[in-house]
Amino acid sequence: MEKQNSLPGDSAGRIAHVLIEALPYIRRFRGRTMVIKYGGNAMVDDTLKASFARDVVLLKLVGINPVVVHGGGPQIGRLLERLGKPSRFVEGMRVTDSETMDVVEMVLGGLVNKEIVSLLNQHGGHAVGLTGKDGALIRARKIFLQRTAPEAQAPEIIDLGHVGEVDHIDPAVVDMLVHGDFIPVIAPIGVGEDGSSYNINADLVAGKVAQVLGAEKLILLTNTRGVLDKDGQLLTGLSRQEVESLIADGTIAGGMIPKIRCAMEALQEGVRSVHIIDGRVEHAVLLELLTDSGIGTLLGG
């Protein structure tokens, strides 16, 4: 390949510094598994999609083993809208009847999963798409939502349909792909004992996959900078005790709580560290993993 014109000295120096800074991290993480939950703006913006794909492929090329778990809620909602089927949520969870589950499988296991696989392959990787049905990867169990109203004598039990949680993960198929130099890309669809399909929260699937694979790191891409304090400043490193205090005083609230709970469980079950990072930043994964400063919130490790 023909070389481009020489860079000015200061630019060349900055590039050399970045490469040297990354070297000890590459050496440290070589052969280790990183589970990356991919979602949010990083999945819809073309520049960010290409940036994410390059990051993942580069990790694989330097000997790190990335495993991607993806979401796809907005894409599901758009297709349901086009089909004239309204989306209904209860406490943030999509009510999923049989027809909706068909759409979920089509979008997550088909359109979104294959787009990510194609994107990674386009940028030099060797990716393979999976759902929880492949190789009996994700065994699911149905969940029911309990909601208590002040005037009610007993909690209301809400049937969300084909919404599940992880009962068991068999990592055999993922291990086979990782050791065959492939990049697994997992859609969060599980299968119940009766063969029914279940839609599972992608953060929870990523956390469970990280646990059973003995991952070095779990990386959650979000649409925020990470965990913020009451003044909106990024908290770059947190212990478990600090996290519990921030939840108790309301600093961590809303949609961040499920991610934090997922992260804390992963740490408790042996994942060395969890990173919550801003997927709206180009090359967010590389910046967090292979630089001294990082860009997000580090839990544990």
Protein backbone atom coordinates (compact mmCIF):
# COMPACT_ATOMS: atom_id res chain seq x y z
CA MET A 1 0.00 0.00 0.00
CA GLU A 2 1.39 3.39 -0.96
CA LYS A 3 2.20 5.66 1.98
CA GLN A 4 0.56 9.06 2.28
CA ASN A 5 2.54 12.27 2.62
CA SER A 6 4.52 12.62 5.84
CA LEU A 7 2.70 14.09 8.82
CA PRO A 8 3.93 17.29 10.51
CA GLY A 9 6.18 16.57 13.46
CA ASP A 10 3.62 17.47 16.14
CA SER A 11 0.91 15.27 14.56
CA ALA A 12 3.31 12.35 14.18
CA GLY A 13 4.36 12.77 17.79
CA ARG A 14 0.77 12.71 19.04
CA ILE A 15 0.04 9.56 17.04
CA ALA A 16 3.17 7.87 18.37
CA HIS A 17 2.21 8.86 21.94
CA VAL A 18 -1.26 7.34 21.53
CA LEU A 19 0.18 4.09 20.20
CA ILE A 20 2.74 3.86 23.00
CA GLU A 21 0.05 4.62 25.60
CA ALA A 22 -2.12 1.80 24.22
CA LEU A 23 0.68 -0.79 24.26
CA PRO A 24 0.54 -1.81 27.96
CA TYR A 25 -3.24 -2.17 27.79
CA ILE A 26 -3.00 -4.36 24.70
CA ARG A 27 -0.39 -6.50 26.44
CA ARG A 28 -2.50 -6.71 29.61
CA PHE A 29 -5.77 -7.61 27.88
CA ARG A 30 -4.43 -9.91 25.17
CA GLY A 31 -6.37 -13.18 25.25
CA ARG A 32 -9.03 -11.73 27.58
CA THR A 33 -12.74 -11.48 26.78
CA MET A 34 -14.61 -8.16 26.65
CA VAL A 35 -18.42 -8.21 26.47
CA ILE A 36 -19.77 -5.05 24.87
CA LYS A 37 -23.43 -4.07 25.06
CA TYR A 38 -24.10 -2.05 21.91
CA GLY A 39 -27.09 0.28 21.75
CA GLY A 40 -28.35 3.85 21.71
CA ASN A 41 -27.09 6.50 19.30
CA ALA A 42 -24.06 4.37 18.44
CA MET A 43 -26.45 2.02 16.60
CA VAL A 44 -28.20 4.63 14.46
CA ASP A 45 -25.63 7.28 13.52
CA ASP A 46 -23.60 6.18 10.48
CA THR A 47 -20.35 7.76 11.68
CA LEU A 48 -20.68 6.19 15.12
CA LYS A 49 -21.59 2.81 13.63
CA ALA A 50 -18.42 2.79 11.54
CA SER A 51 -16.37 3.97 14.54
CA PHE A 52 -17.76 1.17 16.73
CA ALA A 53 -17.07 -1.46 14.07
CA ARG A 54 -13.45 -0.34 13.66
CA ASP A 55 -12.95 -0.40 17.43
CA VAL A 56 -14.27 -3.95 17.78
CA VAL A 57 -12.29 -5.26 14.81
CA LEU A 58 -9.09 -3.63 16.09
CA LEU A 59 -9.56 -5.26 19.51
CA LYS A 60 -9.83 -8.65 17.82
CA LEU A 61 -6.80 -8.03 15.63
CA VAL A 62 -4.58 -7.23 18.63
CA GLY A 63 -5.60 -10.43 20.42
CA ILE A 64 -8.49 -9.26 22.61
CA ASN A 65 -11.76 -11.21 22.33
CA PRO A 66 -14.80 -8.92 21.95
CA VAL A 67 -18.31 -10.35 22.28
CA VAL A 68 -21.11 -8.00 21.22
CA VAL A 69 -24.64 -8.04 22.70
CA HIS A 70 -27.04 -5.59 21.10
CA GLY A 71 -30.41 -4.02 21.72
CA GLY A 72 -32.88 -2.65 19.21
CA GLY A 73 -35.90 -1.15 20.98
CA PRO A 74 -36.29 1.91 18.71
CA GLN A 75 -36.05 -0.27 15.59
CA ILE A 76 -38.76 -2.57 16.96
CA GLY A 77 -40.97 0.42 17.71
CA ARG A 78 -40.57 1.84 14.21
CA LEU A 79 -41.52 -1.42 12.51
CA LEU A 80 -44.53 -1.91 14.79
CA GLU A 81 -45.65 1.62 13.93
CA ARG A 82 -45.34 0.90 10.21
CA LEU A 83 -47.44 -2.23 10.73
CA GLY A 84 -50.10 -0.23 12.55
CA LYS A 85 -49.53 -2.00 15.86
CA PRO A 86 -49.19 0.34 18.86
CA SER A 87 -46.36 -0.13 21.35
CA ARG A 88 -47.37 -0.37 25.00
CA PHE A 89 -44.98 -0.14 27.93
CA VAL A 90 -45.43 -0.85 31.61
CA GLU A 91 -42.70 0.60 33.84
CA GLY A 92 -40.35 0.76 30.89
CA MET A 93 -40.94 -2.81 29.68
CA ARG A 94 -42.58 -3.51 26.33
CA VAL A 95 -45.77 -5.55 26.53
CA THR A 96 -45.03 -8.32 24.04
CA ASP A 97 -47.89 -10.44 22.71
CA SER A 98 -47.32 -13.20 20.16
CA GLU A 99 -47.58 -10.86 17.15
CA THR A 100 -45.20 -8.36 18.74
CA MET A 101 -42.76 -11.18 19.55
CA ASP A 102 -42.71 -12.12 15.87
CA VAL A 103 -41.67 -8.55 15.08
CA VAL A 104 -39.08 -8.57 17.89
CA GLU A 105 -37.49 -11.72 16.48
CA MET A 106 -37.55 -10.31 12.96
CA VAL A 107 -35.91 -7.05 14.02
CA LEU A 108 -33.42 -8.25 16.65
CA GLY A 109 -32.50 -11.64 15.23
CA GLY A 110 -32.73 -10.56 11.61
CA LEU A 111 -32.44 -6.91 10.61
CA VAL A 112 -30.37 -5.46 13.45
CA ASN A 113 -28.19 -8.48 14.13
CA LYS A 114 -27.28 -8.99 10.49
CA GLU A 115 -26.61 -5.29 9.97
CA ILE A 116 -24.07 -5.36 12.83
CA VAL A 117 -22.49 -8.56 11.51
CA SER A 118 -22.22 -7.03 8.03
CA LEU A 119 -20.76 -3.82 9.44
CA LEU A 120 -18.05 -5.66 11.37
CA ASN A 121 -17.20 -7.83 8.37
CA GLN A 122 -17.09 -4.77 6.12
CA HIS A 123 -14.39 -3.30 8.38
CA GLY A 124 -12.21 -6.40 8.31
CA GLY A 125 -13.69 -8.58 11.03
CA HIS A 126 -15.15 -12.07 10.94
CA ALA A 127 -18.45 -11.74 12.80
CA VAL A 128 -21.19 -14.34 13.30
CA GLY A 129 -24.72 -13.47 14.43
CA LEU A 130 -26.57 -15.43 17.12
CA THR A 131 -29.79 -15.35 19.07
CA GLY A 132 -30.32 -17.17 22.33
CA LYS A 133 -31.90 -20.01 20.34
CA ASP A 134 -28.63 -20.85 18.60
CA GLY A 135 -26.72 -23.61 20.35
CA ALA A 136 -29.19 -23.39 23.28
CA LEU A 137 -27.31 -20.22 24.23
CA ILE A 138 -29.96 -18.47 26.37
CA ARG A 139 -32.59 -20.33 28.36
CA ALA A 140 -35.26 -17.86 29.45
CA ARG A 141 -38.05 -17.81 31.99
CA LYS A 142 -41.15 -15.66 31.75
CA ILE A 143 -41.42 -12.70 34.11
CA PHE A 144 -44.47 -11.08 35.63
CA LEU A 145 -44.56 -7.51 36.88
CA GLN A 146 -45.95 -6.79 40.33
CA ARG A 147 -47.43 -3.34 40.86
CA THR A 148 -48.91 -2.14 44.13
CA ALA A 149 -51.46 0.68 44.19
CA PRO A 150 -52.13 2.49 47.51
CA GLU A 151 -55.81 1.57 47.43
CA ALA A 152 -55.20 -2.09 46.53
CA GLN A 153 -55.26 -4.84 49.13
CA ALA A 154 -52.87 -7.03 47.14
CA PRO A 155 -50.23 -6.39 44.44
CA GLU A 156 -51.46 -6.37 40.84
CA ILE A 157 -49.80 -9.08 38.75
CA ILE A 158 -49.22 -7.87 35.19
CA ASP A 159 -48.60 -10.34 32.38
CA LEU A 160 -46.18 -8.72 29.93
CA GLY A 161 -46.44 -11.57 27.43
CA HIS A 162 -43.21 -12.79 25.88
CA VAL A 163 -40.92 -10.85 28.20
CA GLY A 164 -38.34 -12.89 30.02
CA GLU A 165 -35.21 -12.96 32.08
CA VAL A 166 -32.13 -15.14 31.81
CA ASP A 167 -32.52 -18.51 33.48
CA HIS A 168 -29.33 -20.13 32.14
CA ILE A 169 -26.62 -19.47 29.56
CA ASP A 170 -24.66 -22.21 27.83
CA PRO A 171 -21.53 -20.50 26.48
CA ALA A 172 -20.36 -23.42 24.33
CA VAL A 173 -21.26 -21.87 20.97
CA VAL A 174 -19.76 -18.50 21.96
CA ASP A 175 -16.55 -20.15 23.17
CA MET A 176 -16.28 -22.05 19.90
CA LEU A 177 -16.61 -18.84 17.87
CA VAL A 178 -14.21 -16.84 20.05
CA HIS A 179 -11.53 -19.50 19.83
CA GLY A 180 -12.14 -19.78 16.09
CA ASP A 181 -11.20 -16.11 15.68
CA PHE A 182 -14.78 -14.98 15.10
CA ILE A 183 -16.63 -12.08 16.75
CA PRO A 184 -19.96 -13.28 18.20
CA VAL A 185 -22.86 -10.84 17.88
CA ILE A 186 -25.76 -11.80 20.17
CA ALA A 187 -29.41 -10.72 19.94
CA PRO A 188 -31.16 -10.81 23.36
CA ILE A 189 -33.81 -13.39 22.55
CA GLY A 190 -34.13 -16.41 24.82
CA VAL A 191 -36.11 -19.61 24.59
CA GLY A 192 -38.26 -21.09 27.34
CA GLU A 193 -38.58 -24.73 28.35
CA ASP A 194 -41.72 -24.97 26.19
CA GLY A 195 -39.89 -23.59 23.14
CA SER A 196 -41.49 -20.13 23.33
CA SER A 197 -39.37 -17.11 22.48
CA TYR A 198 -38.80 -14.32 24.99
CA ASN A 199 -37.56 -10.77 24.63
CA ILE A 200 -34.92 -10.03 27.29
CA ASN A 201 -33.33 -6.73 28.29
CA ALA A 202 -30.01 -6.48 26.42
CA ASP A 203 -28.11 -5.07 29.43
CA LEU A 204 -29.14 -8.10 31.49
CA VAL A 205 -28.10 -10.51 28.74
CA ALA A 206 -24.74 -8.76 28.37
CA GLY A 207 -24.15 -8.98 32.11
CA LYS A 208 -25.01 -12.69 32.25
CA VAL A 209 -22.88 -13.47 29.20
CA ALA A 210 -19.95 -11.62 30.78
CA GLN A 211 -20.38 -13.69 33.95
CA VAL A 212 -20.45 -17.11 32.31
CA LEU A 213 -17.55 -16.28 29.99
CA GLY A 214 -15.42 -15.06 32.89
CA ALA A 215 -14.98 -11.77 31.04
CA GLU A 216 -12.29 -9.31 31.97
CA LYS A 217 -14.67 -6.42 31.33
CA LEU A 218 -18.32 -5.61 30.65
CA ILE A 219 -18.74 -2.43 28.62
CA LEU A 220 -22.15 -0.75 28.44
CA LEU A 221 -22.58 1.88 25.71
CA THR A 222 -25.18 4.50 26.66
CA ASN A 223 -26.50 7.86 25.54
CA THR A 224 -24.98 9.59 28.57
CA ARG A 225 -21.39 10.35 29.56
CA GLY A 226 -21.55 7.73 32.33
CA VAL A 227 -22.62 8.06 35.96
CA LEU A 228 -22.99 11.72 36.92
CA ASP A 229 -22.99 13.41 40.32
CA LYS A 230 -25.67 15.86 41.46
CA ASP A 231 -23.88 18.68 39.63
CA GLY A 232 -23.80 16.77 36.35
CA GLN A 233 -20.09 16.02 36.59
CA LEU A 234 -18.79 12.65 35.41
CA LEU A 235 -17.81 10.19 38.13
CA THR A 236 -14.89 8.33 36.61
CA GLY A 237 -14.40 5.60 39.21
CA LEU A 238 -16.80 4.12 41.76
CA SER A 239 -16.63 1.37 44.36
CA ARG A 240 -19.62 -0.80 45.22
CA GLN A 241 -20.14 1.10 48.47
CA GLU A 242 -20.12 4.44 46.65
CA VAL A 243 -22.67 3.14 44.13
CA GLU A 244 -25.07 2.07 46.89
CA SER A 245 -24.76 5.48 48.53
CA LEU A 246 -25.48 7.26 45.24
CA ILE A 247 -28.60 5.14 44.72
CA ALA A 248 -29.75 5.76 48.29
CA ASP A 249 -29.46 9.54 48.02
CA GLY A 250 -31.11 9.66 44.57
CA THR A 251 -28.02 10.68 42.58
CA ILE A 252 -28.34 7.50 40.53
CA ALA A 253 -31.96 7.24 39.43
CA GLY A 254 -34.28 6.37 36.56
CA GLY A 255 -32.94 4.37 33.65
CA MET A 256 -29.41 4.28 35.07
CA ILE A 257 -30.45 2.09 38.01
CA PRO A 258 -31.02 -1.13 35.97
CA LYS A 259 -27.64 -0.65 34.28
CA ILE A 260 -25.96 -0.16 37.64
CA ARG A 261 -27.67 -3.21 39.14
CA CYS A 262 -26.56 -5.25 36.13
CA ALA A 263 -23.02 -3.96 36.59
CA MET A 264 -22.94 -4.72 40.31
CA GLU A 265 -24.18 -8.27 39.79
CA ALA A 266 -21.54 -8.85 37.11
CA LEU A 267 -18.82 -7.66 39.48
CA GLN A 268 -20.15 -9.85 42.26
CA GLU A 269 -20.06 -12.87 39.94
CA GLY A 270 -16.44 -12.43 38.92
CA VAL A 271 -16.29 -9.89 36.06
CA ARG A 272 -13.23 -7.81 36.89
CA SER A 273 -14.63 -4.40 35.94
CA VAL A 274 -17.57 -2.70 34.27
CA HIS A 275 -17.41 0.44 32.14
CA ILE A 276 -20.39 2.68 31.44
CA ILE A 277 -19.41 4.89 28.52
CA ASP A 278 -20.88 7.40 26.10
CA GLY A 279 -21.64 5.71 22.78
CA ARG A 280 -22.13 9.15 21.20
CA VAL A 281 -18.34 9.66 21.23
CA GLU A 282 -16.41 8.37 18.22
CA HIS A 283 -14.12 5.43 19.09
CA ALA A 284 -15.55 5.36 22.61
CA VAL A 285 -14.53 1.73 23.16
CA LEU A 286 -10.87 2.26 22.27
CA LEU A 287 -10.66 5.50 24.22
CA GLU A 288 -11.99 3.81 27.35
CA LEU A 289 -9.97 0.60 27.12
CA LEU A 290 -6.64 1.67 25.64
CA THR A 291 -5.92 5.13 27.07
CA ASP A 292 -4.86 6.28 30.52
CA SER A 293 -7.67 8.78 31.00
CA GLY A 294 -10.66 6.88 29.55
CA ILE A 295 -13.96 8.63 28.89
CA GLY A 296 -16.61 7.02 31.12
CA THR A 297 -17.34 5.55 34.54
CA LEU A 298 -15.33 2.57 35.77
CA LEU A 299 -16.91 0.27 38.36
CA GLY A 300 -14.64 -2.16 40.18
CA GLY A 301 -11.25 -3.12 38.75
